[in-house]
Amino acid sequence: MIRNKFEAAEKAREAHKQSIKKNLEHRLEVARTKGDENLIRQIEAEMQYFN
């Protein structure tokens, strides 16, 4: 039982991490489209945190 809860928690953490990465990639794409260099640098810094 404990093993199943642990595995479920790990899967949830990984899914959450992937969701955040996908969101950051989208935000970066939008910032690049707008040409907002400050926002691009900020999002790239956030992406480094999650790598």
N, C-alpha and C. Protein backbone atom coordinates (compact mmCIF):
# COMPACT_ATOMS: atom_id res chain seq x y z
N MET A 1 0.83 -1.20 0.00
CA MET A 1 0.00 0.00 0.00
C MET A 1 0.87 1.25 0.00
N ILE A 2 1.86 1.28 0.86
CA ILE A 2 2.73 2.45 0.92
C ILE A 2 3.45 2.63 -0.42
N ARG A 3 3.87 1.53 -1.02
CA ARG A 3 4.56 1.60 -2.30
C ARG A 3 3.66 2.22 -3.37
N ASN A 4 2.40 1.83 -3.40
CA ASN A 4 1.46 2.39 -4.38
C ASN A 4 1.25 3.88 -4.17
N LYS A 5 1.17 4.31 -2.92
CA LYS A 5 1.00 5.74 -2.64
C LYS A 5 2.24 6.50 -3.05
N PHE A 6 3.40 5.90 -2.78
CA PHE A 6 4.65 6.53 -3.18
C PHE A 6 4.72 6.68 -4.69
N GLU A 7 4.40 5.63 -5.42
CA GLU A 7 4.42 5.66 -6.87
C GLU A 7 3.41 6.67 -7.42
N ALA A 8 2.25 6.73 -6.83
CA ALA A 8 1.23 7.68 -7.26
C ALA A 8 1.72 9.12 -7.04
N ALA A 9 2.36 9.35 -5.91
CA ALA A 9 2.88 10.69 -5.62
C ALA A 9 3.99 11.06 -6.61
N GLU A 10 4.85 10.11 -6.92
CA GLU A 10 5.92 10.36 -7.89
C GLU A 10 5.34 10.68 -9.27
N LYS A 11 4.34 9.93 -9.69
CA LYS A 11 3.71 10.18 -10.98
C LYS A 11 3.04 11.56 -11.00
N ALA A 12 2.41 11.92 -9.91
CA ALA A 12 1.76 13.23 -9.82
C ALA A 12 2.79 14.35 -9.90
N ARG A 13 3.92 14.17 -9.19
CA ARG A 13 4.98 15.18 -9.24
C ARG A 13 5.53 15.34 -10.65
N GLU A 14 5.75 14.21 -11.33
CA GLU A 14 6.29 14.26 -12.68
C GLU A 14 5.28 14.92 -13.64
N ALA A 15 4.00 14.60 -13.49
CA ALA A 15 2.98 15.20 -14.34
C ALA A 15 2.92 16.72 -14.10
N HIS A 16 3.04 17.13 -12.86
CA HIS A 16 3.01 18.55 -12.52
C HIS A 16 4.22 19.26 -13.14
N LYS A 17 5.39 18.64 -13.02
CA LYS A 17 6.61 19.21 -13.58
C LYS A 17 6.49 19.36 -15.10
N GLN A 18 5.95 18.36 -15.76
CA GLN A 18 5.77 18.41 -17.21
C GLN A 18 4.77 19.51 -17.60
N SER A 19 3.75 19.67 -16.81
CA SER A 19 2.76 20.72 -17.06
C SER A 19 3.40 22.10 -16.96
N ILE A 20 4.22 22.28 -15.95
CA ILE A 20 4.91 23.56 -15.78
C ILE A 20 5.84 23.83 -16.95
N LYS A 21 6.59 22.81 -17.37
CA LYS A 21 7.50 22.97 -18.50
C LYS A 21 6.74 23.34 -19.77
N LYS A 22 5.63 22.68 -20.01
CA LYS A 22 4.82 22.96 -21.20
C LYS A 22 4.32 24.41 -21.15
N ASN A 23 3.88 24.84 -19.99
CA ASN A 23 3.40 26.21 -19.83
C ASN A 23 4.52 27.21 -20.09
N LEU A 24 5.71 26.93 -19.56
CA LEU A 24 6.85 27.83 -19.77
C LEU A 24 7.22 27.90 -21.24
N GLU A 25 7.20 26.76 -21.92
CA GLU A 25 7.52 26.75 -23.35
C GLU A 25 6.53 27.59 -24.14
N HIS A 26 5.26 27.50 -23.79
CA HIS A 26 4.24 28.31 -24.47
C HIS A 26 4.46 29.80 -24.19
N ARG A 27 4.71 30.13 -22.94
CA ARG A 27 4.95 31.54 -22.58
C ARG A 27 6.17 32.09 -23.32
N LEU A 28 7.21 31.25 -23.44
CA LEU A 28 8.42 31.68 -24.15
C LEU A 28 8.12 31.92 -25.63
N GLU A 29 7.34 31.05 -26.21
CA GLU A 29 6.96 31.22 -27.62
C GLU A 29 6.20 32.53 -27.82
N VAL A 30 5.28 32.82 -26.93
CA VAL A 30 4.50 34.06 -27.04
C VAL A 30 5.41 35.28 -26.85
N ALA A 31 6.30 35.21 -25.87
CA ALA A 31 7.21 36.33 -25.62
C ALA A 31 8.12 36.57 -26.82
N ARG A 32 8.59 35.49 -27.44
CA ARG A 32 9.44 35.64 -28.63
C ARG A 32 8.65 36.25 -29.79
N THR A 33 7.39 35.84 -29.94
CA THR A 33 6.55 36.38 -30.99
C THR A 33 6.36 37.89 -30.80
N LYS A 34 6.21 38.30 -29.55
CA LYS A 34 6.02 39.72 -29.25
C LYS A 34 7.34 40.49 -29.25
N GLY A 35 8.46 39.75 -29.20
CA GLY A 35 9.76 40.41 -29.18
C GLY A 35 10.10 41.04 -27.85
N ASP A 36 9.52 40.53 -26.76
CA ASP A 36 9.74 41.07 -25.42
C ASP A 36 10.99 40.42 -24.80
N GLU A 37 12.14 41.08 -25.02
CA GLU A 37 13.43 40.52 -24.58
C GLU A 37 13.51 40.33 -23.06
N ASN A 38 12.96 41.27 -22.30
CA ASN A 38 13.00 41.14 -20.84
C ASN A 38 12.22 39.91 -20.39
N LEU A 39 11.05 39.72 -20.95
CA LEU A 39 10.23 38.57 -20.59
C LEU A 39 10.89 37.27 -21.04
N ILE A 40 11.51 37.29 -22.22
CA ILE A 40 12.21 36.10 -22.71
C ILE A 40 13.29 35.68 -21.71
N ARG A 41 14.09 36.64 -21.26
CA ARG A 41 15.15 36.32 -20.28
C ARG A 41 14.56 35.79 -18.98
N GLN A 42 13.47 36.38 -18.53
CA GLN A 42 12.84 35.94 -17.28
C GLN A 42 12.33 34.51 -17.41
N ILE A 43 11.66 34.21 -18.50
CA ILE A 43 11.12 32.86 -18.70
C ILE A 43 12.26 31.85 -18.86
N GLU A 44 13.32 32.22 -19.57
CA GLU A 44 14.46 31.32 -19.72
C GLU A 44 15.08 31.02 -18.36
N ALA A 45 15.13 32.01 -17.47
CA ALA A 45 15.66 31.80 -16.12
C ALA A 45 14.75 30.83 -15.35
N GLU A 46 13.44 31.00 -15.50
CA GLU A 46 12.50 30.08 -14.85
C GLU A 46 12.70 28.66 -15.37
N MET A 47 12.94 28.53 -16.67
CA MET A 47 13.13 27.21 -17.27
C MET A 47 14.39 26.54 -16.71
N GLN A 48 15.43 27.31 -16.45
CA GLN A 48 16.65 26.74 -15.87
C GLN A 48 16.37 26.15 -14.49
N TYR A 49 15.49 26.78 -13.76
CA TYR A 49 15.13 26.30 -12.42
C TYR A 49 14.50 24.90 -12.49
N PHE A 50 13.74 24.62 -13.54
CA PHE A 50 13.04 23.36 -13.64
C PHE A 50 13.81 22.27 -14.39
N ASN A 51 15.02 22.58 -14.85
CA ASN A 51 15.83 21.57 -15.54
C ASN A 51 16.70 20.80 -14.60
